[in-house]
Amino acid sequence: PSPAPALVQTDTNAGLSSREKRAAVG
């Protein structure tokens, strides 16, 4: 399996933060 690093997708491109998305799932 690929060993490549995980990368950050900025909120600028995503439009919503991970915190907002996780809160909605919660």
PDB file of all heavy atoms in Angstrom:
ATOM      1  N   PRO A   1       0.832  -1.210   0.000  1.00  0.00           N
ATOM      2  CA  PRO A   1       0.000   0.000   0.000  1.00  0.00           C
ATOM      3  C   PRO A   1       0.866   1.258   0.000  1.00  0.00           C
ATOM      4  O   PRO A   1       1.981   1.256   0.535  1.00  0.00           O
ATOM      5  CB  PRO A   1      -0.801  -0.128   1.308  1.00  0.00           C
ATOM      6  CG  PRO A   1      -0.835  -1.600   1.591  1.00  0.00           C
ATOM      7  CD  PRO A   1       0.487  -2.124   1.110  1.00  0.00           C
ATOM      8  N   SER A   2       0.335   2.314  -0.586  1.00  0.00           N
ATOM      9  CA  SER A   2       1.086   3.558  -0.719  1.00  0.00           C
ATOM     10  C   SER A   2       1.499   4.121   0.641  1.00  0.00           C
ATOM     11  O   SER A   2       0.681   4.186   1.563  1.00  0.00           O
ATOM     12  CB  SER A   2       0.230   4.596  -1.455  1.00  0.00           C
ATOM     13  OG  SER A   2       0.745   5.897  -1.277  1.00  0.00           O
ATOM     14  N   PRO A   3       2.762   4.566   0.773  1.00  0.00           N
ATOM     15  CA  PRO A   3       3.217   5.193   2.019  1.00  0.00           C
ATOM     16  C   PRO A   3       3.099   6.720   2.000  1.00  0.00           C
ATOM     17  O   PRO A   3       3.553   7.382   2.929  1.00  0.00           O
ATOM     18  CB  PRO A   3       4.685   4.775   2.075  1.00  0.00           C
ATOM     19  CG  PRO A   3       5.109   4.770   0.628  1.00  0.00           C
ATOM     20  CD  PRO A   3       3.890   4.332  -0.166  1.00  0.00           C
ATOM     21  N   ALA A   4       2.486   7.282   0.962  1.00  0.00           N
ATOM     22  CA  ALA A   4       2.471   8.742   0.782  1.00  0.00           C
ATOM     23  C   ALA A   4       1.780   9.434   1.957  1.00  0.00           C
ATOM     24  O   ALA A   4       0.826   8.914   2.532  1.00  0.00           O
ATOM     25  CB  ALA A   4       1.765   9.091  -0.520  1.00  0.00           C
ATOM     26  N   PRO A   5       2.239  10.622   2.328  1.00  0.00           N
ATOM     27  CA  PRO A   5       1.635  11.333   3.456  1.00  0.00           C
ATOM     28  C   PRO A   5       0.225  11.820   3.151  1.00  0.00           C
ATOM     29  O   PRO A   5      -0.119  12.111   2.005  1.00  0.00           O
ATOM     30  CB  PRO A   5       2.584  12.525   3.680  1.00  0.00           C
ATOM     31  CG  PRO A   5       3.234  12.733   2.350  1.00  0.00           C
ATOM     32  CD  PRO A   5       3.381  11.370   1.747  1.00  0.00           C
ATOM     33  N   ALA A   6      -0.603  11.896   4.196  1.00  0.00           N
ATOM     34  CA  ALA A   6      -1.911  12.534   4.075  1.00  0.00           C
ATOM     35  C   ALA A   6      -1.709  14.042   4.016  1.00  0.00           C
ATOM     36  O   ALA A   6      -0.790  14.589   4.632  1.00  0.00           O
ATOM     37  CB  ALA A   6      -2.791  12.156   5.258  1.00  0.00           C
ATOM     38  N   LEU A   7      -2.570  14.718   3.263  1.00  0.00           N
ATOM     39  CA  LEU A   7      -2.420  16.154   3.027  1.00  0.00           C
ATOM     40  C   LEU A   7      -3.630  16.896   3.578  1.00  0.00           C
ATOM     41  O   LEU A   7      -4.725  16.352   3.684  1.00  0.00           O
ATOM     42  CB  LEU A   7      -2.288  16.415   1.524  1.00  0.00           C
ATOM     43  CG  LEU A   7      -1.182  15.636   0.812  1.00  0.00           C
ATOM     44  CD1 LEU A   7      -1.301  15.809  -0.692  1.00  0.00           C
ATOM     45  CD2 LEU A   7       0.197  16.091   1.304  1.00  0.00           C
ATOM     46  N   VAL A   8      -3.429  18.158   3.893  1.00  0.00           N
ATOM     47  CA  VAL A   8      -4.497  19.006   4.422  1.00  0.00           C
ATOM     48  C   VAL A   8      -5.243  19.667   3.266  1.00  0.00           C
ATOM     49  O   VAL A   8      -4.621  20.232   2.363  1.00  0.00           O
ATOM     50  CB  VAL A   8      -3.930  20.081   5.373  1.00  0.00           C
ATOM     51  CG1 VAL A   8      -5.029  21.061   5.796  1.00  0.00           C
ATOM     52  CG2 VAL A   8      -3.293  19.428   6.587  1.00  0.00           C
ATOM     53  N   GLN A   9      -6.567  19.574   3.261  1.00  0.00           N
ATOM     54  CA  GLN A   9      -7.416  20.338   2.342  1.00  0.00           C
ATOM     55  C   GLN A   9      -7.888  21.571   3.110  1.00  0.00           C
ATOM     56  O   GLN A   9      -8.605  21.467   4.102  1.00  0.00           O
ATOM     57  CB  GLN A   9      -8.605  19.494   1.875  1.00  0.00           C
ATOM     58  CG  GLN A   9      -9.637  20.253   1.031  1.00  0.00           C
ATOM     59  CD  GLN A   9      -9.184  20.508  -0.394  1.00  0.00           C
ATOM     60  OE1 GLN A   9      -7.983  20.489  -0.679  1.00  0.00           O
ATOM     61  NE2 GLN A   9     -10.122  20.755  -1.288  1.00  0.00           N
ATOM     62  N   THR A  10      -7.450  22.734   2.687  1.00  0.00           N
ATOM     63  CA  THR A  10      -7.712  23.944   3.459  1.00  0.00           C
ATOM     64  C   THR A  10      -9.205  24.263   3.528  1.00  0.00           C
ATOM     65  O   THR A  10      -9.975  23.933   2.623  1.00  0.00           O
ATOM     66  CB  THR A  10      -6.988  25.148   2.841  1.00  0.00           C
ATOM     67  OG1 THR A  10      -7.556  25.417   1.544  1.00  0.00           O
ATOM     68  CG2 THR A  10      -5.496  24.884   2.704  1.00  0.00           C
ATOM     69  N   ASP A  11      -9.597  24.926   4.600  1.00  0.00           N
ATOM     70  CA  ASP A  11     -10.984  25.363   4.729  1.00  0.00           C
ATOM     71  C   ASP A  11     -11.353  26.322   3.610  1.00  0.00           C
ATOM     72  O   ASP A  11     -12.522  26.410   3.219  1.00  0.00           O
ATOM     73  CB  ASP A  11     -11.200  26.047   6.085  1.00  0.00           C
ATOM     74  CG  ASP A  11     -11.065  25.075   7.254  1.00  0.00           C
ATOM     75  OD1 ASP A  11     -10.876  23.872   7.000  1.00  0.00           O
ATOM     76  OD2 ASP A  11     -11.136  25.531   8.409  1.00  0.00           O
ATOM     77  N   THR A  12     -10.364  27.019   3.071  1.00  0.00           N
ATOM     78  CA  THR A  12     -10.616  27.956   1.965  1.00  0.00           C
ATOM     79  C   THR A  12     -11.200  27.230   0.766  1.00  0.00           C
ATOM     80  O   THR A  12     -12.101  27.743   0.085  1.00  0.00           O
ATOM     81  CB  THR A  12      -9.309  28.666   1.556  1.00  0.00           C
ATOM     82  OG1 THR A  12      -8.762  29.315   2.697  1.00  0.00           O
ATOM     83  CG2 THR A  12      -9.565  29.676   0.453  1.00  0.00           C
ATOM     84  N   ASN A  13     -10.705  26.027   0.495  1.00  0.00           N
ATOM     85  CA  ASN A  13     -11.236  25.239  -0.614  1.00  0.00           C
ATOM     86  C   ASN A  13     -12.421  24.377  -0.196  1.00  0.00           C
ATOM     87  O   ASN A  13     -13.293  24.077  -1.014  1.00  0.00           O
ATOM     88  CB  ASN A  13     -10.134  24.343  -1.197  1.00  0.00           C
ATOM     89  CG  ASN A  13      -9.167  25.108  -2.081  1.00  0.00           C
ATOM     90  OD1 ASN A  13      -9.568  26.018  -2.807  1.00  0.00           O
ATOM     91  ND2 ASN A  13      -7.888  24.764  -2.020  1.00  0.00           N
ATOM     92  N   ALA A  14     -12.450  23.971   1.077  1.00  0.00           N
ATOM     93  CA  ALA A  14     -13.506  23.066   1.539  1.00  0.00           C
ATOM     94  C   ALA A  14     -14.815  23.792   1.824  1.00  0.00           C
ATOM     95  O   ALA A  14     -15.894  23.211   1.704  1.00  0.00           O
ATOM     96  CB  ALA A  14     -13.048  22.321   2.789  1.00  0.00           C
ATOM     97  N   GLY A  15     -14.732  25.055   2.251  1.00  0.00           N
ATOM     98  CA  GLY A  15     -15.954  25.807   2.528  1.00  0.00           C
ATOM     99  C   GLY A  15     -16.505  25.603   3.923  1.00  0.00           C
ATOM    100  O   GLY A  15     -17.213  26.459   4.449  1.00  0.00           O
ATOM    101  N   LEU A  16     -16.207  24.467   4.544  1.00  0.00           N
ATOM    102  CA  LEU A  16     -16.593  24.178   5.927  1.00  0.00           C
ATOM    103  C   LEU A  16     -15.412  23.528   6.628  1.00  0.00           C
ATOM    104  O   LEU A  16     -14.659  22.757   6.012  1.00  0.00           O
ATOM    105  CB  LEU A  16     -17.784  23.212   5.980  1.00  0.00           C
ATOM    106  CG  LEU A  16     -19.166  23.738   5.596  1.00  0.00           C
ATOM    107  CD1 LEU A  16     -20.146  22.571   5.497  1.00  0.00           C
ATOM    108  CD2 LEU A  16     -19.657  24.761   6.608  1.00  0.00           C
ATOM    109  N   SER A  17     -15.254  23.797   7.911  1.00  0.00           N
ATOM    110  CA  SER A  17     -14.162  23.183   8.665  1.00  0.00           C
ATOM    111  C   SER A  17     -14.529  21.758   9.046  1.00  0.00           C
ATOM    112  O   SER A  17     -15.710  21.381   9.098  1.00  0.00           O
ATOM    113  CB  SER A  17     -13.872  23.991   9.930  1.00  0.00           C
ATOM    114  OG  SER A  17     -14.953  23.875  10.850  1.00  0.00           O
ATOM    115  N   SER A  18     -13.510  20.955   9.347  1.00  0.00           N
ATOM    116  CA  SER A  18     -13.759  19.597   9.817  1.00  0.00           C
ATOM    117  C   SER A  18     -14.544  19.633  11.121  1.00  0.00           C
ATOM    118  O   SER A  18     -15.412  18.774  11.357  1.00  0.00           O
ATOM    119  CB  SER A  18     -12.433  18.858  10.016  1.00  0.00           C
ATOM    120  OG  SER A  18     -12.647  17.614  10.643  1.00  0.00           O
ATOM    121  N   ARG A  19     -14.276  20.600  11.976  1.00  0.00           N
ATOM    122  CA  ARG A  19     -15.010  20.696  13.239  1.00  0.00           C
ATOM    123  C   ARG A  19     -16.504  20.865  12.992  1.00  0.00           C
ATOM    124  O   ARG A  19     -17.331  20.205  13.636  1.00  0.00           O
ATOM    125  CB  ARG A  19     -14.479  21.883  14.052  1.00  0.00           C
ATOM    126  CG  ARG A  19     -15.208  22.083  15.384  1.00  0.00           C
ATOM    127  CD  ARG A  19     -14.711  23.325  16.090  1.00  0.00           C
ATOM    128  NE  ARG A  19     -14.834  24.510  15.243  1.00  0.00           N
ATOM    129  CZ  ARG A  19     -15.969  25.181  15.058  1.00  0.00           C
ATOM    130  NH1 ARG A  19     -17.100  24.764  15.623  1.00  0.00           N
ATOM    131  NH2 ARG A  19     -15.996  26.246  14.289  1.00  0.00           N
ATOM    132  N   GLU A  20     -16.862  21.713  12.015  1.00  0.00           N
ATOM    133  CA  GLU A  20     -18.277  21.910  11.685  1.00  0.00           C
ATOM    134  C   GLU A  20     -18.897  20.628  11.133  1.00  0.00           C
ATOM    135  O   GLU A  20     -20.037  20.269  11.466  1.00  0.00           O
ATOM    136  CB  GLU A  20     -18.423  23.047  10.672  1.00  0.00           C
ATOM    137  CG  GLU A  20     -18.076  24.421  11.217  1.00  0.00           C
ATOM    138  CD  GLU A  20     -18.029  25.474  10.126  1.00  0.00           C
ATOM    139  OE1 GLU A  20     -17.189  25.348   9.212  1.00  0.00           O
ATOM    140  OE2 GLU A  20     -18.839  26.420  10.197  1.00  0.00           O
ATOM    141  N   LYS A  21     -18.162  19.937  10.278  1.00  0.00           N
ATOM    142  CA  LYS A  21     -18.679  18.705   9.691  1.00  0.00           C
ATOM    143  C   LYS A  21     -18.854  17.618  10.749  1.00  0.00           C
ATOM    144  O   LYS A  21     -19.869  16.905  10.784  1.00  0.00           O
ATOM    145  CB  LYS A  21     -17.745  18.220   8.575  1.00  0.00           C
ATOM    146  CG  LYS A  21     -17.671  19.158   7.376  1.00  0.00           C
ATOM    147  CD  LYS A  21     -16.639  18.673   6.361  1.00  0.00           C
ATOM    148  CE  LYS A  21     -16.549  19.603   5.160  1.00  0.00           C
ATOM    149  NZ  LYS A  21     -15.554  19.142   4.171  1.00  0.00           N
ATOM    150  N   ARG A  22     -17.857  17.475  11.637  1.00  0.00           N
ATOM    151  CA  ARG A  22     -17.950  16.459  12.688  1.00  0.00           C
ATOM    152  C   ARG A  22     -19.070  16.769  13.671  1.00  0.00           C
ATOM    153  O   ARG A  22     -19.759  15.860  14.166  1.00  0.00           O
ATOM    154  CB  ARG A  22     -16.612  16.341  13.410  1.00  0.00           C
ATOM    155  CG  ARG A  22     -15.551  15.615  12.587  1.00  0.00           C
ATOM    156  CD  ARG A  22     -14.258  15.411  13.362  1.00  0.00           C
ATOM    157  NE  ARG A  22     -13.472  16.633  13.446  1.00  0.00           N
ATOM    158  CZ  ARG A  22     -13.360  17.406  14.513  1.00  0.00           C
ATOM    159  NH1 ARG A  22     -14.011  17.079  15.639  1.00  0.00           N
ATOM    160  NH2 ARG A  22     -12.614  18.489  14.499  1.00  0.00           N
ATOM    161  N   ALA A  23     -19.263  18.057  13.959  1.00  0.00           N
ATOM    162  CA  ALA A  23     -20.356  18.446  14.853  1.00  0.00           C
ATOM    163  C   ALA A  23     -21.704  18.052  14.252  1.00  0.00           C
ATOM    164  O   ALA A  23     -22.601  17.587  14.970  1.00  0.00           O
ATOM    165  CB  ALA A  23     -20.305  19.949  15.121  1.00  0.00           C
ATOM    166  N   ALA A  24     -21.852  18.219  12.938  1.00  0.00           N
ATOM    167  CA  ALA A  24     -23.101  17.849  12.269  1.00  0.00           C
ATOM    168  C   ALA A  24     -23.329  16.343  12.354  1.00  0.00           C
ATOM    169  O   ALA A  24     -24.450  15.883  12.575  1.00  0.00           O
ATOM    170  CB  ALA A  24     -23.071  18.319  10.819  1.00  0.00           C
ATOM    171  N   VAL A  25     -22.257  15.551  12.181  1.00  0.00           N
ATOM    172  CA  VAL A  25     -22.390  14.102  12.308  1.00  0.00           C
ATOM    173  C   VAL A  25     -22.764  13.740  13.742  1.00  0.00           C
ATOM    174  O   VAL A  25     -23.604  12.858  13.980  1.00  0.00           O
ATOM    175  CB  VAL A  25     -21.088  13.393  11.875  1.00  0.00           C
ATOM    176  CG1 VAL A  25     -21.173  11.890  12.174  1.00  0.00           C
ATOM    177  CG2 VAL A  25     -20.829  13.612  10.391  1.00  0.00           C
ATOM    178  N   GLY A  26     -22.159  14.434  14.717  1.00  0.00           N
ATOM    179  CA  GLY A  26     -22.494  14.187  16.117  1.00  0.00           C
ATOM    180  C   GLY A  26     -23.965  14.443  16.403  1.00  0.00           C
ATOM    181  O   GLY A  26     -24.626  13.653  17.102  1.00  0.00           O
TER     182      GLY A  26
END
